[in-house]
Amino acid sequence: MGAILWYYLLHASGYIPRPLSVWGLVAVCLPSINVLLVLYDRGFSDNPIVMPLTGLPYLPYEPVLGLWLIAKGFN
């Protein structure tokens, strides 16, 4: 929940480009939805491929955001 709030605030403030903040929101929401489905045992707990696939968009996001902040910084 904290990451969703963080990326929403980055989106609303305009400190980073909109596509980058939307990528962060989508990348964090996918694993969150999967965690809720596993928590309520909707058949995903026995499928070992679903969790890595939902977390895949988040994997390159953190380094890209970090490099962008180092290169450009905040306005």
Protein backbone atom coordinates (compact mmCIF):
# COMPACT_ATOMS: atom_id res chain seq x y z
CA MET A 1 0.00 0.00 0.00
CA GLY A 2 2.87 2.35 0.71
CA ALA A 3 4.32 1.96 -2.77
CA ILE A 4 0.94 2.63 -4.38
CA LEU A 5 0.63 5.84 -2.38
CA TRP A 6 4.22 6.82 -3.20
CA TYR A 7 3.79 6.37 -6.96
CA TYR A 8 0.41 8.10 -6.89
CA LEU A 9 1.97 11.09 -5.15
CA LEU A 10 4.80 11.14 -7.69
CA HIS A 11 2.15 11.07 -10.42
CA ALA A 12 0.07 13.86 -8.86
CA SER A 13 3.05 16.08 -8.11
CA GLY A 14 4.61 15.82 -11.55
CA TYR A 15 8.15 15.38 -10.20
CA ILE A 16 8.76 12.53 -12.60
CA PRO A 17 7.33 12.03 -16.10
CA ARG A 18 3.77 10.73 -16.24
CA PRO A 19 4.60 7.50 -18.11
CA LEU A 20 7.21 6.63 -15.49
CA SER A 21 4.78 7.14 -12.60
CA VAL A 22 2.01 5.19 -14.37
CA TRP A 23 4.48 2.37 -14.98
CA GLY A 24 5.20 2.36 -11.24
CA LEU A 25 1.50 2.27 -10.35
CA VAL A 26 0.81 -0.62 -12.71
CA ALA A 27 3.97 -2.47 -11.68
CA VAL A 28 3.00 -2.29 -8.00
CA CYS A 29 -0.69 -3.07 -8.45
CA LEU A 30 -0.13 -6.34 -10.32
CA PRO A 31 1.72 -8.13 -7.48
CA SER A 32 -0.68 -6.60 -4.95
CA ILE A 33 -3.64 -8.14 -6.75
CA ASN A 34 -1.83 -11.46 -6.91
CA VAL A 35 -1.07 -11.35 -3.18
CA LEU A 36 -4.74 -10.76 -2.42
CA LEU A 37 -5.75 -13.69 -4.64
CA VAL A 38 -3.23 -15.95 -2.91
CA LEU A 39 -4.39 -14.69 0.48
CA TYR A 40 -7.97 -15.63 -0.31
CA ASP A 41 -6.79 -18.89 -1.95
CA ARG A 42 -8.27 -18.48 -5.41
CA GLY A 43 -6.12 -21.19 -6.97
CA PHE A 44 -2.94 -19.14 -7.45
CA SER A 45 -1.09 -20.57 -4.48
CA ASP A 46 -0.30 -23.80 -6.34
CA ASN A 47 0.72 -22.10 -9.62
CA PRO A 48 4.45 -21.22 -9.42
CA ILE A 49 4.51 -19.13 -12.62
CA VAL A 50 1.84 -16.50 -11.83
CA MET A 51 3.72 -14.67 -9.05
CA PRO A 52 6.92 -14.10 -11.07
CA LEU A 53 4.92 -12.96 -14.09
CA THR A 54 2.98 -10.38 -12.11
CA GLY A 55 6.18 -9.11 -10.50
CA LEU A 56 8.07 -8.89 -13.78
CA PRO A 57 7.11 -5.28 -14.69
CA TYR A 58 8.38 -4.07 -11.30
CA LEU A 59 11.82 -5.63 -11.71
CA PRO A 60 13.25 -3.07 -14.18
CA TYR A 61 11.22 -0.18 -12.78
CA GLU A 62 13.28 0.49 -9.66
CA PRO A 63 16.63 0.84 -11.47
CA VAL A 64 15.05 2.96 -14.22
CA LEU A 65 13.47 5.31 -11.66
CA GLY A 66 16.72 5.49 -9.70
CA LEU A 67 18.80 6.28 -12.77
CA TRP A 68 16.26 8.88 -13.92
CA LEU A 69 16.33 10.59 -10.52
CA ILE A 70 20.13 10.57 -10.49
CA ALA A 71 20.32 11.98 -14.02
CA LYS A 72 17.50 14.53 -13.88
CA GLY A 73 16.64 15.00 -10.22
CA PHE A 74 13.56 16.87 -9.04
CA ASN A 75 12.47 20.09 -10.70
